[in-house]
C-alpha cells in the first residue's frame, strides 16, 4: 500500500495504469520527486481520498470511509465518465469496426457492431442517471439540504446495472470475439481491439468497485447512516463449452424470437425445463442476451440469416 510519504513519480513508475487516477483527480504532471502528500497539497487535493482510490487495487487494503472527501470522489467519477464515454468506448468502436468489417461474414460483423452500439447506449444511460440524479442529490447533502431521493435507490440500481450491462455485456462481447468469431484478414486489428476491451473492462470494474466500496458508503455517512455495504463476488467457476443437442435447439428458438413457452411447446418440454436449459447455456457460453446468442448461432451455423427476425438484421 502507498502512503503519503511515497514519491508520486515512483507510484506512476511502479503502476503506470494509475496515470488514469491522476488524470481523474486533475493532478498535473511535472511533480519531480515530491511526495504524494506534497503533490496533493500543492494541487489542493485531499491526500486521504487520493490514497483510498490508489490503494483499492492492493490486496488487503481497507480504506477508511470516514477520511475520504465525497466532493472529490464526485470529481473523480465525473472525469471517469467523460473518459469512458468520450474516449475509451469511441476508440474501441472505431478499432472494432475496422477489425470485423474486414472479415467475410459481413452480416455477422454488422451484428457485432450493433451489439456494441446497444451496449454503449446502455452505459450512457447508466452514467447519465448518476450525473442527473445521484450527483445533484449528493451535492444537496453537502450543502446541508435534505431531499426525498435516497442513496439506497442508487445502490440497488447500481448493483443491477453492474451485473446486467456494464460488466456482463462487455464480457459477452469479449467471449464472442475470442471463442466464436471467425477471424480472417487483419488479425492484428482484432487482437488490438481485444486488448483494449480487456483494459476497458478492468478499468470499468475498478470504477464500479470504487462506487460500491467508497462513494456509496461515504454518502451514507452524510445521511447519518452506517457505511456498510455488500460487495458481490465476481468470481465464477469455469464451465466446459459443450452444448447438448437440446441446448442448441433452445438457442435456435431464442434467436428466432420465441418465448420460453413457445420453445417449450415446440419441443414438447415444460417451461421450467426450458428455463433450466437457458441457465445452462448462459453458464457454458458465458453469453446471456438474445443478441449475443444470435451472433453465436450465426457464427456456428445454427441458424441462417433469413431465419432471423428483422430486429437482428438491421444495417449499422
C-alpha atoms as a PDB file:
ATOM      1  CA  UNK A   1       0.000   0.000   0.000  1.00  0.00           C
ATOM      2  CA  UNK A   2       1.169   3.514  -0.781  1.00  0.00           C
ATOM      3  CA  UNK A   3       1.497   6.172   1.901  1.00  0.00           C
ATOM      4  CA  UNK A   4       1.577   9.961   1.801  1.00  0.00           C
ATOM      5  CA  UNK A   5       5.370   9.888   2.210  1.00  0.00           C
ATOM      6  CA  UNK A   6       5.961   7.894  -1.010  1.00  0.00           C
ATOM      7  CA  UNK A   7       7.102   9.753  -4.098  1.00  0.00           C
ATOM      8  CA  UNK A   8       4.412  10.392  -6.663  1.00  0.00           C
ATOM      9  CA  UNK A   9       6.816   9.599  -9.515  1.00  0.00           C
ATOM     10  CA  UNK A  10       7.599   6.168  -8.026  1.00  0.00           C
ATOM     11  CA  UNK A  11       3.887   5.391  -7.786  1.00  0.00           C
ATOM     12  CA  UNK A  12       3.480   6.035 -11.521  1.00  0.00           C
ATOM     13  CA  UNK A  13       6.628   4.107 -12.450  1.00  0.00           C
ATOM     14  CA  UNK A  14       5.506   1.069 -10.442  1.00  0.00           C
ATOM     15  CA  UNK A  15       1.872   1.107 -11.635  1.00  0.00           C
ATOM     16  CA  UNK A  16       1.542   3.086 -14.841  1.00  0.00           C
ATOM     17  CA  UNK A  17      -2.214   2.393 -15.006  1.00  0.00           C
ATOM     18  CA  UNK A  18      -2.568   4.826 -12.083  1.00  0.00           C
ATOM     19  CA  UNK A  19      -1.963   7.625 -14.570  1.00  0.00           C
ATOM     20  CA  UNK A  20      -5.742   7.420 -15.097  1.00  0.00           C
ATOM     21  CA  UNK A  21      -6.270   8.100 -11.397  1.00  0.00           C
ATOM     22  CA  UNK A  22      -4.032  11.184 -11.570  1.00  0.00           C
ATOM     23  CA  UNK A  23      -5.906  12.422 -14.612  1.00  0.00           C
ATOM     24  CA  UNK A  24      -9.329  11.936 -12.989  1.00  0.00           C
ATOM     25  CA  UNK A  25      -8.207  13.856  -9.913  1.00  0.00           C
ATOM     26  CA  UNK A  26      -6.902  16.635 -12.227  1.00  0.00           C
ATOM     27  CA  UNK A  27      -3.329  16.205 -10.981  1.00  0.00           C
ATOM     28  CA  UNK A  28      -0.880  17.940 -13.302  1.00  0.00           C
ATOM     29  CA  UNK A  29       2.379  16.243 -14.265  1.00  0.00           C
ATOM     30  CA  UNK A  30       5.806  17.727 -13.624  1.00  0.00           C
ATOM     31  CA  UNK A  31       5.838  16.971  -9.887  1.00  0.00           C
ATOM     32  CA  UNK A  32       9.515  15.950  -9.841  1.00  0.00           C
ATOM     33  CA  UNK A  33      10.487  13.868  -6.804  1.00  0.00           C
ATOM     34  CA  UNK A  34       7.870  15.324  -4.475  1.00  0.00           C
ATOM     35  CA  UNK A  35       5.945  13.114  -2.093  1.00  0.00           C
ATOM     36  CA  UNK A  36       2.309  12.178  -2.649  1.00  0.00           C
ATOM     37  CA  UNK A  37       1.340  14.388   0.281  1.00  0.00           C
ATOM     38  CA  UNK A  38       3.252  17.364  -1.124  1.00  0.00           C
ATOM     39  CA  UNK A  39       1.776  16.982  -4.611  1.00  0.00           C
ATOM     40  CA  UNK A  40      -1.768  16.671  -3.246  1.00  0.00           C
ATOM     41  CA  UNK A  41      -1.299  19.705  -1.004  1.00  0.00           C
ATOM     42  CA  UNK A  42       0.077  21.838  -3.829  1.00  0.00           C
ATOM     43  CA  UNK A  43      -2.761  20.806  -6.141  1.00  0.00           C
ATOM     44  CA  UNK A  44      -5.400  21.250  -3.436  1.00  0.00           C
ATOM     45  CA  UNK A  45      -6.431  17.598  -3.315  1.00  0.00           C
ATOM     46  CA  UNK A  46      -7.273  15.642  -0.182  1.00  0.00           C
ATOM     47  CA  UNK A  47      -4.452  13.131   0.212  1.00  0.00           C
ATOM     48  CA  UNK A  48      -6.592  10.602   2.104  1.00  0.00           C
ATOM     49  CA  UNK A  49      -9.108  10.465  -0.739  1.00  0.00           C
ATOM     50  CA  UNK A  50      -6.349  10.053  -3.312  1.00  0.00           C
ATOM     51  CA  UNK A  51      -4.696   7.232  -1.335  1.00  0.00           C
ATOM     52  CA  UNK A  52      -8.039   5.487  -0.755  1.00  0.00           C
ATOM     53  CA  UNK A  53      -8.574   5.266  -4.514  1.00  0.00           C
ATOM     54  CA  UNK A  54      -4.973   4.344  -5.325  1.00  0.00           C
ATOM     55  CA  UNK A  55      -4.823   1.593  -2.709  1.00  0.00           C
ATOM     56  CA  UNK A  56      -8.103  -0.049  -3.711  1.00  0.00           C
ATOM     57  CA  UNK A  57      -6.173  -2.159  -6.187  1.00  0.00           C
ATOM     58  CA  UNK A  58      -3.864  -3.502  -3.483  1.00  0.00           C
ATOM     59  CA  UNK A  59      -4.789  -6.778  -1.797  1.00  0.00           C
ATOM     60  CA  UNK A  60      -5.809  -6.467   1.818  1.00  0.00           C
ATOM     61  CA  UNK A  61      -6.423  -2.723   1.593  1.00  0.00           C
ATOM     62  CA  UNK A  62      -9.262  -1.397   3.718  1.00  0.00           C
ATOM     63  CA  UNK A  63      -9.891   2.302   3.071  1.00  0.00           C
ATOM     64  CA  UNK A  64     -11.213   4.441   5.902  1.00  0.00           C
ATOM     65  CA  UNK A  65     -14.543   5.744   4.608  1.00  0.00           C
ATOM     66  CA  UNK A  66     -14.654   8.484   7.237  1.00  0.00           C
ATOM     67  CA  UNK A  67     -11.477  10.108   5.872  1.00  0.00           C
ATOM     68  CA  UNK A  68     -12.466  10.484   2.214  1.00  0.00           C
ATOM     69  CA  UNK A  69     -13.900  13.591   0.596  1.00  0.00           C
ATOM     70  CA  UNK A  70     -17.240  12.903  -1.100  1.00  0.00           C
ATOM     71  CA  UNK A  71     -16.895  16.049  -3.191  1.00  0.00           C
ATOM     72  CA  UNK A  72     -13.518  14.977  -4.577  1.00  0.00           C
ATOM     73  CA  UNK A  73     -14.801  11.471  -5.222  1.00  0.00           C
ATOM     74  CA  UNK A  74     -17.529  13.020  -7.366  1.00  0.00           C
ATOM     75  CA  UNK A  75     -14.905  14.946  -9.323  1.00  0.00           C
ATOM     76  CA  UNK A  76     -13.076  11.685  -9.923  1.00  0.00           C
ATOM     77  CA  UNK A  77     -16.256   9.845 -11.003  1.00  0.00           C
ATOM     78  CA  UNK A  78     -17.343  12.629 -13.366  1.00  0.00           C
ATOM     79  CA  UNK A  79     -13.943  12.661 -15.046  1.00  0.00           C
ATOM     80  CA  UNK A  80     -14.069   8.867 -15.325  1.00  0.00           C
ATOM     81  CA  UNK A  81     -17.459   9.091 -17.028  1.00  0.00           C
ATOM     82  CA  UNK A  82     -16.046  11.562 -19.550  1.00  0.00           C
ATOM     83  CA  UNK A  83     -13.088   9.245 -20.232  1.00  0.00           C
ATOM     84  CA  UNK A  84     -15.289   6.194 -20.824  1.00  0.00           C
ATOM     85  CA  UNK A  85     -17.870   7.963 -22.996  1.00  0.00           C
ATOM     86  CA  UNK A  86     -15.697  10.432 -24.899  1.00  0.00           C
ATOM     87  CA  UNK A  87     -12.509   8.422 -25.394  1.00  0.00           C
ATOM     88  CA  UNK A  88     -12.434   4.754 -24.419  1.00  0.00           C
ATOM     89  CA  UNK A  89     -15.699   3.484 -25.954  1.00  0.00           C
ATOM     90  CA  UNK A  90     -15.422   5.553 -29.185  1.00  0.00           C
ATOM     91  CA  UNK A  91     -11.837   4.338 -29.660  1.00  0.00           C
ATOM     92  CA  UNK A  92     -12.887   0.699 -29.212  1.00  0.00           C
ATOM     93  CA  UNK A  93     -15.810   1.252 -31.636  1.00  0.00           C
ATOM     94  CA  UNK A  94     -13.501   2.608 -34.351  1.00  0.00           C
ATOM     95  CA  UNK A  95     -10.997  -0.215 -33.992  1.00  0.00           C
ATOM     96  CA  UNK A  96     -13.729  -2.859 -33.715  1.00  0.00           C
ATOM     97  CA  UNK A  97     -15.359  -1.588 -36.902  1.00  0.00           C
ATOM     98  CA  UNK A  98     -12.084  -1.697 -38.792  1.00  0.00           C
ATOM     99  CA  UNK A  99     -11.260  -5.167 -37.467  1.00  0.00           C
ATOM    100  CA  UNK A 100     -14.546  -7.001 -38.041  1.00  0.00           C
ATOM    101  CA  UNK A 101     -15.608  -5.397 -41.307  1.00  0.00           C
ATOM    102  CA  UNK A 102     -12.565  -6.940 -42.997  1.00  0.00           C
ATOM    103  CA  UNK A 103     -13.991 -10.438 -42.417  1.00  0.00           C
ATOM    104  CA  UNK A 104     -16.036 -12.462 -44.883  1.00  0.00           C
ATOM    105  CA  UNK A 105     -19.081 -12.714 -42.599  1.00  0.00           C
ATOM    106  CA  UNK A 106     -20.151  -9.115 -43.139  1.00  0.00           C
ATOM    107  CA  UNK A 107     -23.654  -9.566 -41.712  1.00  0.00           C
ATOM    108  CA  UNK A 108     -22.209 -11.026 -38.521  1.00  0.00           C
ATOM    109  CA  UNK A 109     -19.768  -8.125 -38.372  1.00  0.00           C
ATOM    110  CA  UNK A 110     -22.640  -5.658 -38.596  1.00  0.00           C
ATOM    111  CA  UNK A 111     -24.475  -7.503 -35.824  1.00  0.00           C
ATOM    112  CA  UNK A 112     -21.400  -7.295 -33.604  1.00  0.00           C
ATOM    113  CA  UNK A 113     -21.208  -3.538 -34.166  1.00  0.00           C
ATOM    114  CA  UNK A 114     -24.943  -3.222 -33.479  1.00  0.00           C
ATOM    115  CA  UNK A 115     -24.400  -5.177 -30.253  1.00  0.00           C
ATOM    116  CA  UNK A 116     -21.569  -2.849 -29.211  1.00  0.00           C
ATOM    117  CA  UNK A 117     -23.610   0.263 -30.026  1.00  0.00           C
ATOM    118  CA  UNK A 118     -26.529  -1.019 -27.923  1.00  0.00           C
ATOM    119  CA  UNK A 119     -24.103  -1.674 -25.073  1.00  0.00           C
ATOM    120  CA  UNK A 120     -22.651   1.839 -25.371  1.00  0.00           C
ATOM    121  CA  UNK A 121     -26.140   3.345 -25.250  1.00  0.00           C
ATOM    122  CA  UNK A 122     -26.853   1.463 -22.027  1.00  0.00           C
ATOM    123  CA  UNK A 123     -23.610   2.688 -20.445  1.00  0.00           C
ATOM    124  CA  UNK A 124     -24.540   6.252 -21.436  1.00  0.00           C
ATOM    125  CA  UNK A 125     -27.967   5.873 -19.789  1.00  0.00           C
ATOM    126  CA  UNK A 126     -26.398   4.459 -16.642  1.00  0.00           C
ATOM    127  CA  UNK A 127     -23.876   7.284 -16.334  1.00  0.00           C
ATOM    128  CA  UNK A 128     -26.455   9.939 -17.249  1.00  0.00           C
ATOM    129  CA  UNK A 129     -28.556   8.702 -14.319  1.00  0.00           C
ATOM    130  CA  UNK A 130     -25.617   9.316 -11.987  1.00  0.00           C
ATOM    131  CA  UNK A 131     -24.932  12.759 -13.452  1.00  0.00           C
ATOM    132  CA  UNK A 132     -28.563  13.913 -13.427  1.00  0.00           C
ATOM    133  CA  UNK A 133     -29.984  12.193 -10.335  1.00  0.00           C
ATOM    134  CA  UNK A 134     -27.299  10.932  -7.965  1.00  0.00           C
ATOM    135  CA  UNK A 135     -24.666  13.677  -8.007  1.00  0.00           C
ATOM    136  CA  UNK A 136     -27.137  16.586  -7.595  1.00  0.00           C
ATOM    137  CA  UNK A 137     -28.625  14.730  -4.603  1.00  0.00           C
ATOM    138  CA  UNK A 138     -25.180  14.330  -3.035  1.00  0.00           C
ATOM    139  CA  UNK A 139     -24.338  17.981  -3.687  1.00  0.00           C
ATOM    140  CA  UNK A 140     -27.543  18.952  -1.855  1.00  0.00           C
ATOM    141  CA  UNK A 141     -26.479  16.787   1.096  1.00  0.00           C
ATOM    142  CA  UNK A 142     -23.102  18.535   1.141  1.00  0.00           C
ATOM    143  CA  UNK A 143     -24.936  21.868   1.366  1.00  0.00           C
ATOM    144  CA  UNK A 144     -26.868  20.548   4.356  1.00  0.00           C
ATOM    145  CA  UNK A 145     -30.119  20.090   2.454  1.00  0.00           C
ATOM    146  CA  UNK A 146     -32.334  17.017   2.711  1.00  0.00           C
ATOM    147  CA  UNK A 147     -34.133  15.515  -0.282  1.00  0.00           C
ATOM    148  CA  UNK A 148     -36.611  12.724  -0.927  1.00  0.00           C
ATOM    149  CA  UNK A 149     -34.056  10.821  -3.003  1.00  0.00           C
ATOM    150  CA  UNK A 150     -32.068   8.185  -1.103  1.00  0.00           C
ATOM    151  CA  UNK A 151     -28.622   6.855  -1.953  1.00  0.00           C
ATOM    152  CA  UNK A 152     -30.101   3.389  -1.392  1.00  0.00           C
ATOM    153  CA  UNK A 153     -32.025   3.812  -4.649  1.00  0.00           C
ATOM    154  CA  UNK A 154     -28.718   4.237  -6.451  1.00  0.00           C
ATOM    155  CA  UNK A 155     -27.164   1.331  -4.540  1.00  0.00           C
ATOM    156  CA  UNK A 156     -29.944  -1.003  -5.717  1.00  0.00           C
ATOM    157  CA  UNK A 157     -29.930   0.307  -9.287  1.00  0.00           C
ATOM    158  CA  UNK A 158     -26.144   0.195  -9.438  1.00  0.00           C
ATOM    159  CA  UNK A 159     -25.922  -3.468  -8.472  1.00  0.00           C
ATOM    160  CA  UNK A 160     -28.385  -4.392 -11.228  1.00  0.00           C
ATOM    161  CA  UNK A 161     -26.628  -2.310 -13.882  1.00  0.00           C
ATOM    162  CA  UNK A 162     -23.157  -3.589 -12.984  1.00  0.00           C
ATOM    163  CA  UNK A 163     -24.202  -7.226 -13.266  1.00  0.00           C
ATOM    164  CA  UNK A 164     -26.561  -6.908 -16.217  1.00  0.00           C
ATOM    165  CA  UNK A 165     -24.943  -4.496 -18.653  1.00  0.00           C
ATOM    166  CA  UNK A 166     -21.931  -2.544 -17.507  1.00  0.00           C
ATOM    167  CA  UNK A 167     -19.773  -5.593 -16.809  1.00  0.00           C
ATOM    168  CA  UNK A 168     -21.614  -8.659 -18.111  1.00  0.00           C
ATOM    169  CA  UNK A 169     -22.354  -7.364 -21.624  1.00  0.00           C
ATOM    170  CA  UNK A 170     -18.792  -6.321 -22.398  1.00  0.00           C
ATOM    171  CA  UNK A 171     -17.694  -9.741 -21.112  1.00  0.00           C
ATOM    172  CA  UNK A 172     -20.089 -11.325 -23.604  1.00  0.00           C
ATOM    173  CA  UNK A 173     -18.597  -9.359 -26.472  1.00  0.00           C
ATOM    174  CA  UNK A 174     -15.096 -10.329 -25.418  1.00  0.00           C
ATOM    175  CA  UNK A 175     -16.046 -14.010 -25.263  1.00  0.00           C
ATOM    176  CA  UNK A 176     -17.772 -13.890 -28.650  1.00  0.00           C
ATOM    177  CA  UNK A 177     -14.668 -12.421 -30.294  1.00  0.00           C
ATOM    178  CA  UNK A 178     -12.251 -14.812 -28.578  1.00  0.00           C
ATOM    179  CA  UNK A 179     -14.186 -18.061 -28.775  1.00  0.00           C
ATOM    180  CA  UNK A 180     -16.636 -17.822 -31.657  1.00  0.00           C
ATOM    181  CA  UNK A 181     -15.769 -15.111 -34.168  1.00  0.00           C
ATOM    182  CA  UNK A 182     -14.197 -16.471 -37.377  1.00  0.00           C
ATOM    183  CA  UNK A 183     -11.222 -14.129 -37.617  1.00  0.00           C
ATOM    184  CA  UNK A 184      -9.946 -13.551 -41.122  1.00  0.00           C
ATOM    185  CA  UNK A 185      -7.992 -10.774 -42.726  1.00  0.00           C
ATOM    186  CA  UNK A 186      -6.323  -8.265 -40.406  1.00  0.00           C
ATOM    187  CA  UNK A 187      -5.935 -10.369 -37.256  1.00  0.00           C
ATOM    188  CA  UNK A 188      -3.616  -7.825 -35.664  1.00  0.00           C
ATOM    189  CA  UNK A 189      -6.542  -5.393 -35.530  1.00  0.00           C
ATOM    190  CA  UNK A 190      -8.733  -7.921 -33.786  1.00  0.00           C
ATOM    191  CA  UNK A 191      -6.023  -8.673 -31.221  1.00  0.00           C
ATOM    192  CA  UNK A 192      -5.515  -4.960 -30.674  1.00  0.00           C
ATOM    193  CA  UNK A 193      -9.203  -4.265 -30.061  1.00  0.00           C
ATOM    194  CA  UNK A 194      -9.409  -7.259 -27.714  1.00  0.00           C
ATOM    195  CA  UNK A 195      -6.521  -5.823 -25.704  1.00  0.00           C
ATOM    196  CA  UNK A 196      -8.420  -2.539 -25.479  1.00  0.00           C
ATOM    197  CA  UNK A 197     -11.600  -4.339 -24.403  1.00  0.00           C
ATOM    198  CA  UNK A 198      -9.710  -6.181 -21.647  1.00  0.00           C
ATOM    199  CA  UNK A 199      -8.188  -2.887 -20.475  1.00  0.00           C
ATOM    200  CA  UNK A 200     -11.558  -1.118 -20.572  1.00  0.00           C
ATOM    201  CA  UNK A 201     -13.260  -3.949 -18.680  1.00  0.00           C
ATOM    202  CA  UNK A 202     -10.647  -3.895 -15.922  1.00  0.00           C
ATOM    203  CA  UNK A 203     -10.837  -0.098 -15.645  1.00  0.00           C
ATOM    204  CA  UNK A 204     -14.636  -0.158 -15.550  1.00  0.00           C
ATOM    205  CA  UNK A 205     -14.718  -2.939 -12.949  1.00  0.00           C
ATOM    206  CA  UNK A 206     -12.474  -0.855 -10.682  1.00  0.00           C
ATOM    207  CA  UNK A 207     -14.704   2.158 -11.305  1.00  0.00           C
ATOM    208  CA  UNK A 208     -17.774   0.175 -10.205  1.00  0.00           C
ATOM    209  CA  UNK A 209     -15.931  -1.153  -7.183  1.00  0.00           C
ATOM    210  CA  UNK A 210     -14.965   2.391  -6.187  1.00  0.00           C
ATOM    211  CA  UNK A 211     -18.602   3.446  -6.339  1.00  0.00           C
ATOM    212  CA  UNK A 212     -19.715   0.444  -4.282  1.00  0.00           C
ATOM    213  CA  UNK A 213     -16.961   0.454  -1.664  1.00  0.00           C
ATOM    214  CA  UNK A 214     -16.094   4.156  -1.333  1.00  0.00           C
ATOM    215  CA  UNK A 215     -18.663   6.506  -2.821  1.00  0.00           C
ATOM    216  CA  UNK A 216     -21.933   4.892  -1.673  1.00  0.00           C
ATOM    217  CA  UNK A 217     -20.695   4.183   1.901  1.00  0.00           C
ATOM    218  CA  UNK A 218     -19.289   7.733   2.191  1.00  0.00           C
ATOM    219  CA  UNK A 219     -22.633   9.217   1.109  1.00  0.00           C
ATOM    220  CA  UNK A 220     -24.402   7.009   3.637  1.00  0.00           C
ATOM    221  CA  UNK A 221     -22.313   8.656   6.346  1.00  0.00           C
ATOM    222  CA  UNK A 222     -23.528  12.070   5.187  1.00  0.00           C
ATOM    223  CA  UNK A 223     -27.085  10.994   5.939  1.00  0.00           C
ATOM    224  CA  UNK A 224     -26.176   9.663   9.362  1.00  0.00           C
ATOM    225  CA  UNK A 225     -26.391   6.032   8.347  1.00  0.00           C
ATOM    226  CA  UNK A 226     -23.795   3.288   8.504  1.00  0.00           C
ATOM    227  CA  UNK A 227     -21.208   2.808   5.811  1.00  0.00           C
ATOM    228  CA  UNK A 228     -21.644  -0.948   5.461  1.00  0.00           C
ATOM    229  CA  UNK A 229     -22.468  -2.254   2.011  1.00  0.00           C
ATOM    230  CA  UNK A 230     -22.325  -5.688   0.463  1.00  0.00           C
ATOM    231  CA  UNK A 231     -19.829  -6.439  -2.255  1.00  0.00           C
ATOM    232  CA  UNK A 232     -20.672  -9.045  -4.847  1.00  0.00           C
ATOM    233  CA  UNK A 233     -18.246 -11.867  -5.574  1.00  0.00           C
ATOM    234  CA  UNK A 234     -17.288 -11.541  -9.227  1.00  0.00           C
ATOM    235  CA  UNK A 235     -15.565 -14.928  -9.406  1.00  0.00           C
ATOM    236  CA  UNK A 236     -17.384 -17.817 -11.027  1.00  0.00           C
ATOM    237  CA  UNK A 237     -16.400 -21.377 -11.896  1.00  0.00           C
ATOM    238  CA  UNK A 238     -15.407 -22.167 -15.450  1.00  0.00           C
ATOM    239  CA  UNK A 239     -17.825 -24.456 -17.278  1.00  0.00           C
ATOM    240  CA  UNK A 240     -16.862 -26.501 -20.309  1.00  0.00           C
ATOM    241  CA  UNK A 241     -18.115 -25.024 -23.588  1.00  0.00           C
ATOM    242  CA  UNK A 242     -20.055 -28.058 -24.847  1.00  0.00           C
ATOM    243  CA  UNK A 243     -23.705 -27.738 -25.837  1.00  0.00           C
ATOM    244  CA  UNK A 244     -26.117 -30.624 -26.000  1.00  0.00           C
ATOM    245  CA  UNK A 245     -28.408 -31.078 -28.993  1.00  0.00           C
ATOM    246  CA  UNK A 246     -31.338 -29.910 -26.883  1.00  0.00           C
ATOM    247  CA  UNK A 247     -29.451 -26.766 -25.808  1.00  0.00           C
ATOM    248  CA  UNK A 248     -28.754 -25.976 -29.468  1.00  0.00           C
ATOM    249  CA  UNK A 249     -32.486 -26.329 -30.140  1.00  0.00           C
ATOM    250  CA  UNK A 250     -33.183 -23.887 -27.315  1.00  0.00           C
ATOM    251  CA  UNK A 251     -30.735 -21.351 -28.773  1.00  0.00           C
ATOM    252  CA  UNK A 252     -32.412 -21.597 -32.172  1.00  0.00           C
ATOM    253  CA  UNK A 253     -35.749 -20.817 -30.565  1.00  0.00           C
ATOM    254  CA  UNK A 254     -34.330 -17.861 -28.638  1.00  0.00           C
ATOM    255  CA  UNK A 255     -32.723 -16.227 -31.678  1.00  0.00           C
ATOM    256  CA  UNK A 256     -35.945 -16.672 -33.651  1.00  0.00           C
ATOM    257  CA  UNK A 257     -37.664 -14.523 -31.056  1.00  0.00           C
ATOM    258  CA  UNK A 258     -39.699 -17.293 -29.417  1.00  0.00           C
ATOM    259  CA  UNK A 259     -40.776 -17.046 -25.777  1.00  0.00           C
ATOM    260  CA  UNK A 260     -39.873 -19.754 -23.284  1.00  0.00           C
ATOM    261  CA  UNK A 261     -43.427 -21.102 -23.524  1.00  0.00           C
ATOM    262  CA  UNK A 262     -43.321 -21.184 -27.316  1.00  0.00           C
ATOM    263  CA  UNK A 263     -39.990 -23.017 -27.211  1.00  0.00           C
ATOM    264  CA  UNK A 264     -41.366 -25.451 -24.644  1.00  0.00           C
ATOM    265  CA  UNK A 265     -44.457 -26.194 -26.758  1.00  0.00           C
ATOM    266  CA  UNK A 266     -42.434 -26.702 -29.950  1.00  0.00           C
ATOM    267  CA  UNK A 267     -40.006 -29.119 -28.238  1.00  0.00           C
ATOM    268  CA  UNK A 268     -42.618 -30.833 -26.018  1.00  0.00           C
ATOM    269  CA  UNK A 269     -40.898 -29.658 -22.855  1.00  0.00           C
ATOM    270  CA  UNK A 270     -42.034 -27.839 -19.734  1.00  0.00           C
ATOM    271  CA  UNK A 271     -41.322 -24.132 -19.358  1.00  0.00           C
ATOM    272  CA  UNK A 272     -39.256 -24.961 -16.267  1.00  0.00           C
ATOM    273  CA  UNK A 273     -37.059 -27.299 -18.335  1.00  0.00           C
ATOM    274  CA  UNK A 274     -36.529 -24.615 -20.977  1.00  0.00           C
ATOM    275  CA  UNK A 275     -35.569 -22.116 -18.268  1.00  0.00           C
ATOM    276  CA  UNK A 276     -33.071 -24.588 -16.830  1.00  0.00           C
ATOM    277  CA  UNK A 277     -31.558 -25.177 -20.265  1.00  0.00           C
ATOM    278  CA  UNK A 278     -31.174 -21.418 -20.803  1.00  0.00           C
ATOM    279  CA  UNK A 279     -29.337 -21.073 -17.499  1.00  0.00           C
ATOM    280  CA  UNK A 280     -27.002 -23.902 -18.503  1.00  0.00           C
ATOM    281  CA  UNK A 281     -26.403 -22.289 -21.904  1.00  0.00           C
ATOM    282  CA  UNK A 282     -25.512 -18.988 -20.247  1.00  0.00           C
ATOM    283  CA  UNK A 283     -23.030 -20.720 -17.919  1.00  0.00           C
ATOM    284  CA  UNK A 284     -21.383 -22.702 -20.688  1.00  0.00           C
ATOM    285  CA  UNK A 285     -21.097 -19.940 -23.266  1.00  0.00           C
ATOM    286  CA  UNK A 286     -20.941 -17.004 -20.841  1.00  0.00           C
ATOM    287  CA  UNK A 287     -23.474 -15.339 -23.120  1.00  0.00           C
ATOM    288  CA  UNK A 288     -26.757 -14.226 -21.552  1.00  0.00           C
ATOM    289  CA  UNK A 289     -28.513 -11.910 -24.009  1.00  0.00           C
ATOM    290  CA  UNK A 290     -30.548 -12.885 -27.097  1.00  0.00           C
ATOM    291  CA  UNK A 291     -28.350 -10.557 -29.191  1.00  0.00           C
ATOM    292  CA  UNK A 292     -25.205 -12.353 -28.034  1.00  0.00           C
ATOM    293  CA  UNK A 293     -26.761 -15.780 -28.643  1.00  0.00           C
ATOM    294  CA  UNK A 294     -27.794 -14.638 -32.116  1.00  0.00           C
ATOM    295  CA  UNK A 295     -24.198 -13.830 -33.059  1.00  0.00           C
ATOM    296  CA  UNK A 296     -23.083 -17.175 -31.624  1.00  0.00           C
ATOM    297  CA  UNK A 297     -25.798 -19.031 -33.574  1.00  0.00           C
ATOM    298  CA  UNK A 298     -24.918 -17.324 -36.876  1.00  0.00           C
ATOM    299  CA  UNK A 299     -21.185 -17.925 -36.492  1.00  0.00           C
ATOM    300  CA  UNK A 300     -21.746 -21.585 -35.591  1.00  0.00           C
ATOM    301  CA  UNK A 301     -24.337 -22.029 -38.369  1.00  0.00           C
ATOM    302  CA  UNK A 302     -27.180 -22.991 -36.043  1.00  0.00           C
ATOM    303  CA  UNK A 303     -29.471 -20.599 -37.920  1.00  0.00           C
ATOM    304  CA  UNK A 304     -29.423 -18.807 -41.261  1.00  0.00           C
ATOM    305  CA  UNK A 305     -29.695 -15.048 -41.581  1.00  0.00           C
ATOM    306  CA  UNK A 306     -33.020 -15.448 -43.385  1.00  0.00           C
ATOM    307  CA  UNK A 307     -34.499 -17.165 -40.318  1.00  0.00           C
ATOM    308  CA  UNK A 308     -33.906 -14.187 -38.041  1.00  0.00           C
ATOM    309  CA  UNK A 309     -36.436 -11.513 -37.043  1.00  0.00           C
ATOM    310  CA  UNK A 310     -35.853  -8.111 -38.673  1.00  0.00           C
ATOM    311  CA  UNK A 311     -34.629  -6.672 -35.350  1.00  0.00           C
ATOM    312  CA  UNK A 312     -31.364  -8.622 -35.724  1.00  0.00           C
ATOM    313  CA  UNK A 313     -30.631  -7.857 -39.366  1.00  0.00           C
ATOM    314  CA  UNK A 314     -30.683  -4.067 -39.405  1.00  0.00           C
ATOM    315  CA  UNK A 315     -27.718  -2.333 -41.021  1.00  0.00           C
ATOM    316  CA  UNK A 316     -25.419  -0.152 -38.912  1.00  0.00           C
END
